[in-house]
Amino acid sequence: MSKMATEGGGKETNEIKTQFTTREGVYKLLPNSEYSRPNRVSFNSQGSNPVKVSFVNVNDQSGNGERICFNVGRELYFYIYKGVRKAADLSKPIDKRIYKGTLPTCHDSNPLTATAESVSLLVGFSAGQVQLIDPIKKETSKLFNEDRLIDKTPVTCVKWVPGSENLFLVAHASGSMYLYNVDHTCGTTAPHYQLLKQGENYAVHTSKSKTARNPLLRWTVCEGAVNEFAFSPDGKFLACAGQDGFLRVFCFDSAELHGTMKSYFGGLLCLCWSPDGRYIVSGGEDDLVTVWSFLDCKVIARGRGHKSWVSVVAFDHCITSVQDCEAPTEFSGSDEEFHEQVQFNGSRKRANSAQSSFSQRNSTDGRGVSVTYRFGSVGQDTQFCLWDLTEDVLFPHLPLSRTHTNVMNATTTSVPVGNTATLGTNGNNSVSSSGSSAPSNSLSPALPRSNSLPHSSPAGGSSPNSHKPTSIMDSTLIATGVSKFATLALHEARKERHAEKDHKRNHSMSYISNKSSDKLNQLIGTRTAKTDVAKTLGTAQCPRMEEVPLLEPLVCKKIAHERLTVLIFLEDCLVTACQEGFICTWARPGKVGLLQSQNPANSPSGTVV
Protein backbone atom coordinates (compact mmCIF):
# COMPACT_ATOMS: atom_id res chain seq x y z
CA MET A 1 0.00 0.00 0.00
CA SER A 2 1.39 3.37 -0.94
CA LYS A 3 2.59 5.80 1.70
CA MET A 4 0.28 8.32 0.10
CA ALA A 5 -2.54 6.65 1.96
CA THR A 6 -3.93 8.89 4.68
CA GLU A 7 -6.80 8.94 7.07
CA GLY A 8 -8.02 12.39 6.23
CA GLY A 9 -10.38 13.64 3.59
CA GLY A 10 -7.92 15.51 1.39
CA LYS A 11 -8.39 16.51 -2.21
CA GLU A 12 -5.53 14.65 -3.86
CA THR A 13 -6.73 12.16 -6.44
CA ASN A 14 -4.28 9.52 -5.24
CA GLU A 15 -5.28 9.82 -1.62
CA ILE A 16 -6.72 6.64 -0.15
CA LYS A 17 -8.27 5.85 3.21
CA THR A 18 -6.74 3.71 5.94
CA GLN A 19 -9.79 3.55 8.22
CA PHE A 20 -13.54 3.99 8.16
CA THR A 21 -16.28 4.26 10.78
CA THR A 22 -19.54 2.33 11.13
CA ARG A 23 -22.02 1.97 13.98
CA GLU A 24 -19.83 -0.85 15.36
CA GLY A 25 -16.78 1.38 15.54
CA VAL A 26 -13.65 2.00 13.51
CA TYR A 27 -12.16 -0.47 11.01
CA LYS A 28 -8.43 0.05 10.62
CA LEU A 29 -5.97 -0.98 7.91
CA LEU A 30 -3.06 -3.00 9.29
CA PRO A 31 -0.02 -2.29 7.07
CA ASN A 32 2.06 -4.97 8.81
CA SER A 33 -0.51 -7.62 7.90
CA GLU A 34 -0.42 -6.88 4.18
CA TYR A 35 0.38 -9.78 1.85
CA SER A 36 1.94 -9.44 -1.56
CA ARG A 37 4.67 -10.81 -3.80
CA PRO A 38 7.79 -11.24 -1.64
CA ASN A 39 9.90 -8.74 -3.57
CA ARG A 40 6.97 -6.28 -3.65
CA VAL A 41 7.92 -5.03 -7.10
CA SER A 42 4.82 -3.93 -8.97
CA PHE A 43 3.89 -6.00 -11.96
CA ASN A 44 2.12 -4.96 -15.16
CA SER A 45 -1.49 -5.37 -14.13
CA GLN A 46 -2.89 -4.32 -17.50
CA GLY A 47 -4.23 -7.33 -19.33
CA SER A 48 -3.49 -9.64 -16.41
CA ASN A 49 -6.11 -11.81 -14.80
CA PRO A 50 -7.68 -10.37 -11.65
CA VAL A 51 -5.86 -10.98 -8.40
CA LYS A 52 -7.91 -13.53 -6.42
CA VAL A 53 -7.67 -14.65 -2.80
CA SER A 54 -8.98 -17.82 -1.14
CA PHE A 55 -8.82 -19.04 2.45
CA VAL A 56 -8.94 -22.45 4.10
CA ASN A 57 -8.89 -23.39 7.78
CA VAL A 58 -6.63 -26.35 8.57
CA ASN A 59 -7.60 -26.54 12.26
CA ASP A 60 -4.06 -25.86 13.38
CA GLN A 61 -3.89 -26.01 17.18
CA SER A 62 -1.22 -23.30 17.27
CA GLY A 63 -3.82 -20.59 16.70
CA ASN A 64 -2.77 -19.90 13.11
CA GLY A 65 -5.35 -22.11 11.44
CA GLU A 66 -6.05 -19.95 8.40
CA ARG A 67 -4.12 -20.42 5.16
CA ILE A 68 -4.26 -17.82 2.40
CA CYS A 69 -3.76 -18.44 -1.32
CA PHE A 70 -3.48 -15.67 -3.90
CA ASN A 71 -2.46 -15.28 -7.53
CA VAL A 72 -0.60 -12.31 -8.99
CA GLY A 73 0.14 -12.43 -12.70
CA ARG A 74 1.83 -15.78 -13.45
CA GLU A 75 2.56 -16.45 -9.79
CA LEU A 76 0.65 -18.37 -7.12
CA TYR A 77 1.42 -18.09 -3.38
CA PHE A 78 0.30 -20.03 -0.33
CA TYR A 79 0.99 -18.58 3.16
CA ILE A 80 0.06 -18.96 6.80
CA TYR A 81 -2.43 -16.17 7.41
CA LYS A 82 -1.68 -14.39 10.68
CA GLY A 83 -4.47 -11.82 10.41
CA VAL A 84 -4.57 -9.18 13.12
CA ARG A 85 -2.40 -11.15 15.54
CA LYS A 86 1.03 -11.00 13.94
CA ALA A 87 2.74 -9.29 11.04
CA ALA A 88 2.91 -11.08 7.72
CA ASP A 89 6.23 -12.72 6.94
CA LEU A 90 6.53 -12.52 3.16
CA SER A 91 9.90 -14.23 3.18
CA LYS A 92 8.42 -17.61 4.15
CA PRO A 93 5.65 -18.74 1.81
CA ILE A 94 4.51 -22.33 2.32
CA ASP A 95 4.46 -22.70 -1.46
CA LYS A 96 5.24 -20.53 -4.46
CA ARG A 97 4.68 -21.42 -8.10
CA ILE A 98 5.41 -19.54 -11.33
CA TYR A 99 3.63 -20.75 -14.45
CA LYS A 100 4.69 -20.43 -18.07
CA GLY A 101 2.34 -20.25 -21.03
CA THR A 102 -0.76 -19.83 -18.86
CA LEU A 103 -1.87 -17.79 -15.86
CA PRO A 104 -3.82 -18.83 -12.77
CA THR A 105 -7.28 -17.27 -12.73
CA CYS A 106 -9.00 -18.73 -9.63
CA HIS A 107 -8.52 -21.29 -6.86
CA ASP A 108 -10.36 -23.10 -4.08
CA SER A 109 -9.34 -25.43 -1.23
CA ASN A 110 -11.44 -28.31 0.07
CA PRO A 111 -12.32 -27.57 3.72
CA LEU A 112 -13.39 -31.16 4.38
CA THR A 113 -9.98 -32.67 3.81
CA ALA A 114 -7.74 -29.76 4.86
CA THR A 115 -5.25 -30.45 7.64
CA ALA A 116 -2.03 -28.86 8.82
CA GLU A 117 -0.17 -31.51 6.81
CA SER A 118 -2.22 -31.54 3.59
CA VAL A 119 -4.52 -29.27 1.57
CA SER A 120 -6.33 -30.13 -1.69
CA LEU A 121 -6.11 -26.94 -3.74
CA LEU A 122 -7.73 -26.55 -7.16
CA VAL A 123 -6.29 -23.94 -9.52
CA GLY A 124 -7.97 -22.79 -12.75
CA PHE A 125 -5.99 -21.32 -15.65
CA SER A 126 -6.42 -18.91 -18.51
CA ALA A 127 -5.81 -21.69 -21.08
CA GLY A 128 -8.67 -23.79 -19.67
CA GLN A 129 -6.87 -26.39 -17.54
CA VAL A 130 -7.53 -27.16 -13.87
CA GLN A 131 -4.74 -28.36 -11.62
CA LEU A 132 -5.03 -30.20 -8.29
CA ILE A 133 -2.07 -29.45 -6.04
CA ASP A 134 -1.07 -29.87 -2.41
CA PRO A 135 0.81 -26.67 -1.47
CA ILE A 136 1.87 -28.06 1.91
CA LYS A 137 3.36 -31.29 0.56
CA LYS A 138 4.38 -29.32 -2.56
CA GLU A 139 2.82 -31.97 -4.77
CA THR A 140 1.00 -31.77 -8.08
CA SER A 141 -1.34 -34.72 -8.25
CA LYS A 142 -3.54 -34.20 -11.31
CA LEU A 143 -4.18 -31.97 -14.30
CA PHE A 144 -7.68 -31.84 -15.79
CA ASN A 145 -8.54 -30.75 -19.34
CA GLU A 146 -4.81 -30.96 -20.03
CA ASP A 147 -5.22 -31.19 -23.81
CA ARG A 148 -8.08 -28.66 -23.75
CA LEU A 149 -10.40 -31.21 -25.35
CA ILE A 150 -13.21 -30.40 -22.91
CA ASP A 151 -13.09 -26.59 -23.15
CA LYS A 152 -10.51 -24.24 -24.65
CA THR A 153 -11.68 -21.04 -22.94
CA PRO A 154 -10.32 -19.57 -19.69
CA VAL A 155 -11.51 -20.91 -16.37
CA THR A 156 -13.52 -18.19 -14.63
CA CYS A 157 -14.47 -19.94 -11.39
CA VAL A 158 -13.69 -23.25 -9.67
CA LYS A 159 -15.20 -24.59 -6.44
CA TRP A 160 -15.45 -27.84 -4.54
CA VAL A 161 -19.00 -29.16 -4.29
CA PRO A 162 -20.11 -28.60 -0.67
CA GLY A 163 -19.91 -31.72 1.43
CA SER A 164 -17.89 -33.67 -1.14
CA GLU A 165 -14.27 -34.78 -0.96
CA ASN A 166 -13.93 -35.53 -4.66
CA LEU A 167 -16.45 -33.52 -6.74
CA PHE A 168 -15.74 -30.03 -8.04
CA LEU A 169 -17.39 -27.64 -10.50
CA VAL A 170 -15.57 -25.51 -13.07
CA ALA A 171 -16.96 -22.53 -15.03
CA HIS A 172 -15.51 -21.28 -18.31
CA ALA A 173 -15.69 -18.17 -20.46
CA SER A 174 -17.58 -20.28 -23.01
CA GLY A 175 -20.71 -20.17 -20.83
CA SER A 176 -20.38 -23.82 -19.81
CA MET A 177 -19.74 -25.44 -16.45
CA TYR A 178 -18.33 -28.94 -15.94
CA LEU A 179 -18.64 -31.31 -13.01
CA TYR A 180 -15.47 -33.33 -12.30
CA ASN A 181 -14.48 -36.16 -10.01
CA VAL A 182 -10.86 -36.07 -8.83
CA ASP A 183 -10.75 -39.87 -8.92
CA HIS A 184 -11.58 -40.04 -12.63
CA THR A 185 -9.36 -39.24 -15.58
CA CYS A 186 -10.08 -37.22 -18.67
CA GLY A 187 -10.31 -39.03 -22.00
CA THR A 188 -7.80 -38.82 -24.79
CA THR A 189 -10.51 -37.69 -27.21
CA ALA A 190 -13.13 -34.96 -27.01
CA PRO A 191 -16.07 -36.08 -24.85
CA HIS A 192 -19.46 -36.93 -26.35
CA TYR A 193 -22.60 -35.89 -24.52
CA GLN A 194 -26.24 -36.81 -24.34
CA LEU A 195 -29.01 -34.48 -23.14
CA LEU A 196 -30.02 -34.99 -19.53
CA LYS A 197 -32.24 -31.97 -18.87
CA GLN A 198 -33.24 -28.87 -20.80
CA GLY A 199 -35.06 -25.70 -19.86
CA GLU A 200 -35.35 -22.07 -20.79
CA ASN A 201 -31.92 -20.96 -22.05
CA TYR A 202 -30.03 -23.78 -20.33
CA ALA A 203 -29.22 -27.44 -20.87
CA VAL A 204 -27.46 -30.16 -18.89
CA HIS A 205 -25.66 -33.01 -20.66
CA THR A 206 -24.07 -36.16 -19.33
CA SER A 207 -21.11 -38.02 -20.81
CA LYS A 208 -21.88 -40.85 -23.25
CA SER A 209 -18.79 -42.74 -22.19
CA LYS A 210 -19.43 -46.25 -20.85
CA THR A 211 -16.50 -45.92 -18.49
CA ALA A 212 -16.19 -43.39 -15.69
CA ARG A 213 -14.44 -40.35 -17.07
CA ASN A 214 -14.45 -36.58 -16.72
CA PRO A 215 -16.45 -34.49 -17.07
CA LEU A 216 -19.46 -36.11 -15.42
CA LEU A 217 -21.82 -33.32 -16.51
CA ARG A 218 -21.77 -30.28 -18.75
CA TRP A 219 -24.03 -27.37 -17.89
CA THR A 220 -24.63 -24.80 -20.63
CA VAL A 221 -26.22 -21.88 -18.82
CA CYS A 222 -25.11 -18.62 -20.34
CA GLU A 223 -24.72 -16.72 -23.60
CA GLY A 224 -21.19 -15.58 -22.87
CA ALA A 225 -18.97 -16.26 -19.89
CA VAL A 226 -20.14 -17.61 -16.56
CA ASN A 227 -18.29 -14.99 -14.54
CA GLU A 228 -18.96 -16.51 -11.13
CA PHE A 229 -21.06 -19.16 -9.46
CA ALA A 230 -21.77 -19.94 -5.81
CA PHE A 231 -23.48 -22.72 -3.91
CA SER A 232 -26.15 -21.87 -1.36
CA PRO A 233 -25.14 -22.25 2.31
CA ASP A 234 -26.89 -25.63 2.48
CA GLY A 235 -25.25 -26.73 -0.79
CA LYS A 236 -28.57 -27.54 -2.47
CA PHE A 237 -28.75 -24.63 -4.91
CA LEU A 238 -26.36 -23.13 -7.43
CA ALA A 239 -26.41 -19.47 -8.49
CA CYS A 240 -24.62 -18.33 -11.67
CA ALA A 241 -23.72 -14.78 -12.74
CA GLY A 242 -23.46 -14.51 -16.51
CA GLN A 243 -21.94 -12.10 -18.97
CA ASP A 244 -25.36 -11.99 -20.66
CA GLY A 245 -26.59 -10.13 -17.57
CA PHE A 246 -28.64 -12.96 -16.09
CA LEU A 247 -28.55 -14.44 -12.62
CA ARG A 248 -29.76 -18.04 -12.80
CA VAL A 249 -30.46 -20.16 -9.73
CA PHE A 250 -30.70 -23.94 -10.05
CA CYS A 251 -31.47 -26.83 -7.77
CA PHE A 252 -28.09 -28.50 -8.09
CA ASP A 253 -29.13 -32.15 -7.68
CA SER A 254 -32.16 -32.03 -9.98
CA ALA A 255 -30.67 -29.48 -12.42
CA GLU A 256 -33.96 -27.58 -12.38
CA LEU A 257 -34.14 -23.82 -12.76
CA HIS A 258 -35.53 -22.14 -9.65
CA GLY A 259 -35.46 -18.50 -10.79
CA THR A 260 -33.76 -15.80 -12.83
CA MET A 261 -32.89 -12.14 -12.63
CA LYS A 262 -31.59 -9.65 -15.22
CA SER A 263 -29.09 -6.86 -14.57
CA TYR A 264 -30.16 -3.33 -15.44
CA PHE A 265 -27.73 -3.54 -18.32
CA GLY A 266 -24.42 -5.20 -19.10
CA GLY A 267 -22.98 -8.37 -17.65
CA LEU A 268 -23.19 -9.68 -14.12
CA LEU A 269 -19.71 -10.14 -12.67
CA CYS A 270 -20.24 -11.34 -9.11
CA LEU A 271 -22.74 -12.70 -6.61
CA CYS A 272 -23.06 -13.87 -3.02
CA TRP A 273 -25.67 -15.72 -0.95
CA SER A 274 -26.91 -14.34 2.36
CA PRO A 275 -25.90 -16.53 5.33
CA ASP A 276 -29.41 -18.00 5.56
CA GLY A 277 -29.72 -18.58 1.81
CA ARG A 278 -32.79 -16.35 1.44
CA TYR A 279 -31.21 -13.55 -0.60
CA ILE A 280 -28.60 -13.18 -3.32
CA VAL A 281 -26.70 -9.97 -3.94
CA SER A 282 -25.13 -9.49 -7.35
CA GLY A 283 -23.07 -6.79 -9.03
CA GLY A 284 -21.71 -6.04 -12.46
CA GLU A 285 -21.42 -3.66 -15.36
CA ASP A 286 -24.47 -1.55 -14.45
CA ASP A 287 -22.48 -0.15 -11.48
CA LEU A 288 -25.23 -1.34 -9.14
CA VAL A 289 -25.61 -3.96 -6.44
CA THR A 290 -28.90 -5.83 -6.77
CA VAL A 291 -30.67 -7.79 -4.03
CA TRP A 292 -32.77 -10.74 -5.21
CA SER A 293 -35.17 -12.74 -3.04
CA PHE A 294 -34.78 -16.50 -3.35
CA LEU A 295 -38.25 -17.16 -1.93
CA ASP A 296 -40.11 -14.70 -4.17
CA CYS A 297 -37.80 -14.90 -7.19
CA LYS A 298 -37.76 -11.16 -7.65
CA VAL A 299 -35.57 -8.07 -7.20
CA ILE A 300 -36.28 -6.38 -3.87
CA ALA A 301 -33.68 -3.58 -3.85
CA ARG A 302 -30.79 -1.99 -5.71
CA GLY A 303 -27.81 -0.13 -4.33
CA ARG A 304 -26.06 2.77 -5.99
CA GLY A 305 -22.68 4.01 -4.80
CA HIS A 306 -20.03 2.75 -7.23
CA LYS A 307 -18.77 4.80 -10.15
CA SER A 308 -17.73 1.82 -12.25
CA TRP A 309 -18.20 -1.94 -12.53
CA VAL A 310 -18.79 -3.83 -9.31
CA SER A 311 -16.28 -6.69 -9.15
CA VAL A 312 -17.08 -8.40 -5.81
CA VAL A 313 -20.02 -8.54 -3.41
CA ALA A 314 -19.93 -10.36 -0.06
CA PHE A 315 -22.15 -10.72 3.00
CA ASP A 316 -20.69 -10.01 6.43
CA HIS A 317 -21.71 -13.05 8.48
CA CYS A 318 -20.73 -11.35 11.74
CA ILE A 319 -22.88 -8.24 11.36
CA THR A 320 -25.94 -9.84 9.79
CA SER A 321 -28.45 -10.27 12.61
CA VAL A 322 -32.02 -10.44 13.83
CA GLN A 323 -32.81 -8.38 16.90
CA ASP A 324 -35.90 -8.09 19.07
CA CYS A 325 -37.37 -4.61 19.22
CA GLU A 326 -39.24 -3.17 22.19
CA ALA A 327 -41.98 -1.59 20.12
CA PRO A 328 -44.89 -3.86 19.17
CA THR A 329 -45.66 -4.26 15.48
CA GLU A 330 -48.92 -5.20 13.79
CA PHE A 331 -48.59 -8.26 11.60
CA SER A 332 -52.19 -8.46 10.28
CA GLY A 333 -52.33 -12.23 10.36
CA SER A 334 -48.94 -12.70 8.69
CA ASP A 335 -47.05 -13.42 11.90
CA GLU A 336 -46.44 -17.05 11.00
CA GLU A 337 -45.02 -16.13 7.62
CA PHE A 338 -42.87 -13.42 9.19
CA HIS A 339 -41.68 -15.78 11.92
CA GLU A 340 -40.76 -18.35 9.27
CA GLN A 341 -38.71 -15.82 7.33
CA VAL A 342 -36.57 -14.84 10.31
CA GLN A 343 -35.73 -18.35 11.47
CA PHE A 344 -32.17 -18.30 10.27
CA ASN A 345 -29.93 -21.29 9.93
CA GLY A 346 -26.64 -20.07 11.37
CA SER A 347 -24.99 -23.45 11.69
CA ARG A 348 -23.44 -23.62 8.24
CA LYS A 349 -19.69 -23.21 8.13
CA ARG A 350 -17.81 -21.55 5.27
CA ALA A 351 -14.09 -21.79 4.66
CA ASN A 352 -13.45 -18.11 4.11
CA SER A 353 -15.67 -16.39 6.66
CA ALA A 354 -16.82 -16.48 10.22
CA GLN A 355 -20.25 -17.55 11.41
CA SER A 356 -23.07 -15.06 11.85
CA SER A 357 -24.76 -14.71 15.16
CA PHE A 358 -28.48 -14.91 14.64
CA SER A 359 -30.93 -14.29 17.45
CA GLN A 360 -34.35 -15.85 16.97
CA ARG A 361 -37.66 -14.27 17.82
CA ASN A 362 -39.97 -15.95 20.30
CA SER A 363 -43.26 -16.41 18.48
CA THR A 364 -45.25 -15.85 21.68
CA ASP A 365 -43.67 -12.69 22.99
CA GLY A 366 -45.54 -10.42 20.57
CA ARG A 367 -42.57 -8.12 20.05
CA GLY A 368 -41.28 -6.80 16.77
CA VAL A 369 -38.20 -8.04 14.95
CA SER A 370 -35.42 -5.91 13.55
CA VAL A 371 -33.73 -7.60 10.61
CA THR A 372 -30.43 -6.35 9.25
CA TYR A 373 -28.18 -7.92 6.66
CA ARG A 374 -24.78 -6.35 6.17
CA PHE A 375 -22.93 -6.79 2.90
CA GLY A 376 -20.04 -5.11 1.17
CA SER A 377 -18.90 -4.47 -2.37
CA VAL A 378 -15.75 -3.38 -4.17
CA GLY A 379 -15.31 -2.24 -7.74
CA GLN A 380 -13.09 -1.11 -10.53
CA ASP A 381 -13.55 2.46 -9.27
CA THR A 382 -11.25 1.49 -6.31
CA GLN A 383 -14.17 2.14 -3.95
CA PHE A 384 -15.22 0.00 -1.01
CA CYS A 385 -18.89 0.20 0.02
CA LEU A 386 -20.84 -1.19 2.97
CA TRP A 387 -24.61 -1.66 2.83
CA ASP A 388 -27.35 -2.51 5.31
CA LEU A 389 -30.39 -4.39 4.10
CA THR A 390 -33.14 -3.77 6.69
CA GLU A 391 -36.68 -5.01 7.25
CA ASP A 392 -38.14 -1.93 5.53
CA VAL A 393 -36.83 -3.39 2.29
CA LEU A 394 -37.26 -7.07 3.14
CA PHE A 395 -40.87 -6.86 4.32
CA PRO A 396 -42.45 -3.82 2.63
CA HIS A 397 -45.94 -5.35 2.88
CA LEU A 398 -45.94 -5.18 6.69
CA PRO A 399 -47.23 -1.99 8.41
CA LEU A 400 -44.54 0.05 10.14
CA SER A 401 -45.38 2.27 13.09
CA ARG A 402 -43.64 5.57 13.77
CA THR A 403 -42.18 4.19 17.01
CA HIS A 404 -40.78 1.18 15.19
CA THR A 405 -39.25 3.42 12.54
CA ASN A 406 -37.34 5.27 15.25
CA VAL A 407 -36.13 2.00 16.72
CA MET A 408 -34.89 0.84 13.34
CA ASN A 409 -33.09 4.12 12.75
CA ALA A 410 -31.36 3.69 16.09
CA THR A 411 -30.31 0.12 15.39
CA THR A 412 -28.97 0.82 11.92
CA THR A 413 -27.03 4.00 12.70
CA SER A 414 -23.51 3.90 11.29
CA VAL A 415 -22.06 7.33 12.02
CA PRO A 416 -23.52 10.78 12.80
CA VAL A 417 -25.12 12.46 9.83
CA GLY A 418 -22.51 15.14 9.84
CA ASN A 419 -19.80 12.56 9.34
CA THR A 420 -21.56 10.97 6.40
CA ALA A 421 -21.86 14.13 4.35
CA THR A 422 -18.72 13.32 2.41
CA LEU A 423 -20.20 10.00 1.33
CA GLY A 424 -22.65 11.69 -0.97
CA THR A 425 -20.10 12.38 -3.64
CA ASN A 426 -19.81 8.66 -4.32
CA GLY A 427 -23.50 8.28 -5.05
CA ASN A 428 -23.98 11.46 -7.08
CA ASN A 429 -23.35 9.92 -10.44
CA SER A 430 -25.83 8.50 -12.90
CA VAL A 431 -25.01 5.52 -15.07
CA SER A 432 -23.48 6.37 -18.41
CA SER A 433 -22.37 4.33 -21.36
CA SER A 434 -18.79 4.51 -20.17
CA GLY A 435 -19.68 2.59 -17.02
CA SER A 436 -19.48 5.50 -14.62
CA SER A 437 -22.21 6.40 -12.24
CA ALA A 438 -23.39 10.01 -12.31
CA PRO A 439 -25.78 12.50 -10.59
CA SER A 440 -28.24 11.50 -8.22
CA ASN A 441 -30.65 13.88 -6.71
CA SER A 442 -30.70 14.84 -3.10
CA LEU A 443 -31.61 12.18 -0.61
CA SER A 444 -35.34 11.60 -0.43
CA PRO A 445 -37.25 9.90 2.40
CA ALA A 446 -37.89 6.21 2.14
CA LEU A 447 -41.37 5.16 1.20
CA PRO A 448 -43.37 3.87 4.15
CA ARG A 449 -44.30 0.22 4.01
CA SER A 450 -47.90 0.90 3.07
CA ASN A 451 -46.73 2.60 -0.11
CA SER A 452 -43.99 0.16 -0.97
CA LEU A 453 -44.33 -2.49 -3.61
CA PRO A 454 -46.37 -5.45 -2.39
CA HIS A 455 -45.10 -9.01 -2.70
CA SER A 456 -45.83 -10.32 -6.15
CA SER A 457 -49.00 -12.18 -6.87
CA PRO A 458 -48.83 -15.12 -9.32
CA ALA A 459 -49.08 -12.53 -12.08
CA GLY A 460 -46.11 -10.71 -10.63
CA GLY A 461 -43.46 -13.32 -11.09
CA SER A 462 -43.95 -15.44 -7.97
CA SER A 463 -46.01 -18.60 -8.09
CA PRO A 464 -47.72 -20.13 -5.06
CA ASN A 465 -44.87 -22.65 -5.05
CA SER A 466 -42.17 -20.00 -5.00
CA HIS A 467 -41.52 -20.76 -1.34
CA LYS A 468 -40.76 -24.36 -2.18
CA PRO A 469 -37.03 -24.72 -2.94
CA THR A 470 -37.62 -27.37 -5.60
CA SER A 471 -40.00 -25.38 -7.77
CA ILE A 472 -39.02 -24.17 -11.24
CA MET A 473 -39.32 -20.53 -12.22
CA ASP A 474 -42.08 -20.32 -14.84
CA SER A 475 -41.18 -17.65 -17.35
CA THR A 476 -44.84 -17.15 -18.26
CA LEU A 477 -45.45 -15.69 -14.78
CA ILE A 478 -43.08 -12.77 -15.27
CA ALA A 479 -44.86 -9.52 -14.53
CA THR A 480 -45.48 -7.01 -17.27
CA GLY A 481 -47.45 -4.44 -15.29
CA VAL A 482 -45.34 -3.89 -12.19
CA SER A 483 -44.78 -0.25 -13.08
CA LYS A 484 -48.36 0.80 -12.34
CA PHE A 485 -47.97 -0.28 -8.71
CA ALA A 486 -44.73 1.65 -8.38
CA THR A 487 -46.33 4.75 -9.95
CA LEU A 488 -49.09 4.69 -7.35
CA ALA A 489 -46.57 4.16 -4.59
CA LEU A 490 -44.45 7.10 -5.67
CA HIS A 491 -47.53 9.30 -6.10
CA GLU A 492 -48.53 8.63 -2.49
CA ALA A 493 -44.95 9.03 -1.30
CA ARG A 494 -44.66 12.57 -2.62
CA LYS A 495 -47.59 13.56 -0.39
CA GLU A 496 -45.80 12.25 2.69
CA ARG A 497 -42.27 13.48 2.12
CA HIS A 498 -42.67 16.56 4.31
CA ALA A 499 -43.89 14.37 7.14
CA GLU A 500 -40.88 12.07 6.82
CA LYS A 501 -38.07 14.58 7.32
CA ASP A 502 -36.59 12.47 10.08
CA HIS A 503 -35.25 9.96 7.53
CA LYS A 504 -31.54 9.38 8.03
CA ARG A 505 -29.04 8.62 5.32
CA ASN A 506 -27.61 5.83 7.46
CA HIS A 507 -30.93 4.04 7.08
CA SER A 508 -29.31 2.96 3.81
CA MET A 509 -32.45 3.44 1.74
CA SER A 510 -34.00 6.00 -0.62
CA TYR A 511 -35.85 6.11 -3.90
CA ILE A 512 -34.61 7.44 -7.19
CA SER A 513 -36.63 10.35 -8.61
CA ASN A 514 -38.94 9.89 -11.55
CA LYS A 515 -37.01 12.42 -13.61
CA SER A 516 -33.58 10.88 -13.31
CA SER A 517 -34.94 7.33 -13.56
CA ASP A 518 -36.80 8.22 -16.76
CA LYS A 519 -33.54 9.42 -18.29
CA LEU A 520 -31.75 6.29 -17.15
CA ASN A 521 -34.52 4.04 -18.45
CA GLN A 522 -34.49 5.90 -21.76
CA LEU A 523 -30.72 5.42 -22.03
CA ILE A 524 -30.95 1.72 -21.25
CA GLY A 525 -33.88 1.24 -23.58
CA THR A 526 -31.97 2.87 -26.43
CA ARG A 527 -28.89 0.74 -25.88
CA THR A 528 -30.75 -2.55 -25.64
CA ALA A 529 -33.83 -2.04 -27.81
CA LYS A 530 -32.51 -4.42 -30.46
CA THR A 531 -31.80 -7.24 -28.06
CA ASP A 532 -34.07 -9.78 -26.42
CA VAL A 533 -32.85 -8.85 -22.96
CA ALA A 534 -34.55 -5.45 -23.32
CA LYS A 535 -37.87 -7.27 -23.01
CA THR A 536 -37.09 -7.93 -19.35
CA LEU A 537 -36.95 -4.24 -18.39
CA GLY A 538 -39.98 -3.40 -16.31
CA THR A 539 -40.68 -7.01 -15.35
CA ALA A 540 -40.08 -8.92 -12.13
CA GLN A 541 -36.79 -10.09 -13.63
CA CYS A 542 -35.60 -6.52 -14.07
CA PRO A 543 -37.85 -3.85 -12.54
CA ARG A 544 -37.29 -0.24 -13.47
CA MET A 545 -35.26 1.93 -11.14
CA GLU A 546 -38.26 3.64 -9.54
CA GLU A 547 -40.04 0.35 -8.86
CA VAL A 548 -37.79 -0.93 -6.08
CA PRO A 549 -36.06 0.65 -3.06
CA LEU A 550 -32.71 2.24 -3.80
CA LEU A 551 -30.11 1.59 -1.11
CA GLU A 552 -27.48 4.18 -0.22
CA PRO A 553 -24.09 2.97 1.05
CA LEU A 554 -23.33 3.32 4.74
CA VAL A 555 -19.64 3.64 3.86
CA CYS A 556 -18.08 4.47 0.52
CA LYS A 557 -14.31 4.91 0.58
CA LYS A 558 -11.43 4.88 -1.89
CA ILE A 559 -9.01 2.30 -0.49
CA ALA A 560 -6.67 1.48 -3.40
CA HIS A 561 -4.96 2.94 -6.45
CA GLU A 562 -5.89 0.05 -8.75
CA ARG A 563 -9.22 -1.69 -9.28
CA LEU A 564 -10.34 -3.84 -6.38
CA THR A 565 -10.77 -7.56 -7.01
CA VAL A 566 -11.26 -9.16 -3.57
CA LEU A 567 -13.52 -8.69 -0.55
CA ILE A 568 -13.71 -11.38 2.15
CA PHE A 569 -15.20 -11.03 5.64
CA LEU A 570 -13.49 -12.97 8.45
CA GLU A 571 -14.25 -13.12 12.17
CA ASP A 572 -11.78 -10.48 13.32
CA CYS A 573 -11.11 -8.62 10.08
CA LEU A 574 -12.00 -8.13 6.48
CA VAL A 575 -9.64 -8.67 3.56
CA THR A 576 -9.41 -6.69 0.33
CA ALA A 577 -7.07 -6.90 -2.64
CA CYS A 578 -6.37 -4.74 -5.64
CA GLN A 579 -4.91 -5.43 -9.06
CA GLU A 580 -1.51 -4.16 -7.93
CA GLY A 581 -1.22 -7.41 -6.00
CA PHE A 582 -1.59 -6.09 -2.45
CA ILE A 583 -3.83 -8.08 -0.08
CA CYS A 584 -4.86 -5.86 2.83
CA THR A 585 -6.19 -6.73 6.28
CA TRP A 586 -8.70 -4.37 7.96
CA ALA A 587 -9.14 -5.06 11.68
CA ARG A 588 -12.67 -4.98 13.01
CA PRO A 589 -13.39 -2.57 15.88
CA GLY A 590 -11.60 -3.71 19.03
CA LYS A 591 -9.74 -6.50 17.21
CA VAL A 592 -6.38 -4.81 16.62
CA GLY A 593 -3.73 -7.25 17.83
CA LEU A 594 -0.17 -6.80 18.96
CA LEU A 595 1.70 -6.86 15.68
CA GLN A 596 5.31 -7.67 15.35
CA SER A 597 7.58 -4.71 14.94
CA GLN A 598 8.03 -3.76 11.34
CA ASN A 599 11.40 -4.37 9.68
CA PRO A 600 12.51 -4.85 6.08
CA ALA A 601 13.37 -8.50 6.62
CA ASN A 602 9.97 -9.85 7.49
CA SER A 603 7.28 -7.27 6.86
CA PRO A 604 6.18 -4.86 4.15
CA SER A 605 7.72 -1.45 3.90
CA GLY A 606 4.50 0.14 2.72
CA THR A 607 6.15 1.61 -0.34
CA VAL A 608 5.38 0.62 -3.89
CA VAL A 609 8.59 0.36 -5.88
Foldseek 3Di string as FASTA:
>chain_A
DAPQEDCDDDDDPFYFHQWDFWQQGIWGFDQQQKDFQLVLAFDPLVPAAFKDKDWFAQPDPVPQRIWMWIFFGQKIFIARRPFQAAGFFNVDTLAMDGDPPKHWHEKEWDRVPHHPQWIFMWTWIQQGKIWTATSNVRGTDDIACPVVLAHRGGWQDKYAQPPDPFWIKIWGQQQKIFICGNVAEADPHRFDWDWDDDDDQKTKTATPDPDDHPGGMMIRHENGGQNDKDAFLVSQKIWTWYQQQKIWIARVVVRFTLAMFGDLDGGWREKEAFLQRQWMWTWFLQQKIWIAGQLFRFTLEIAFQAFFGWHYKYWAQAPWEKDWDPDAFDAPPCLVVVLVVLPGDQPGDDRFADTYDYDHDDSPPRTDMKGWIKMWIFWQSLKIFIAIDIVCRVALQGADDPVNVVVNCVVLGIDDQVVCPVSVVRRQACQDPVRTGHGFDDFFAAQHSVLAQHRDDQLQQGDPCSNPNNDHRDPNSKHQPLVVSLVSSVVVVVVCRVVRVVGGLSSFWGAGDPVVLVVVLVNSCVVPVPDPVSVCECIRSHDGRSRHIYTYTNDMTNHDDGGKNDWTYYDFWIWTDGSSGMIITIGDPPRNHDYDDDDSNTGDPSHHD
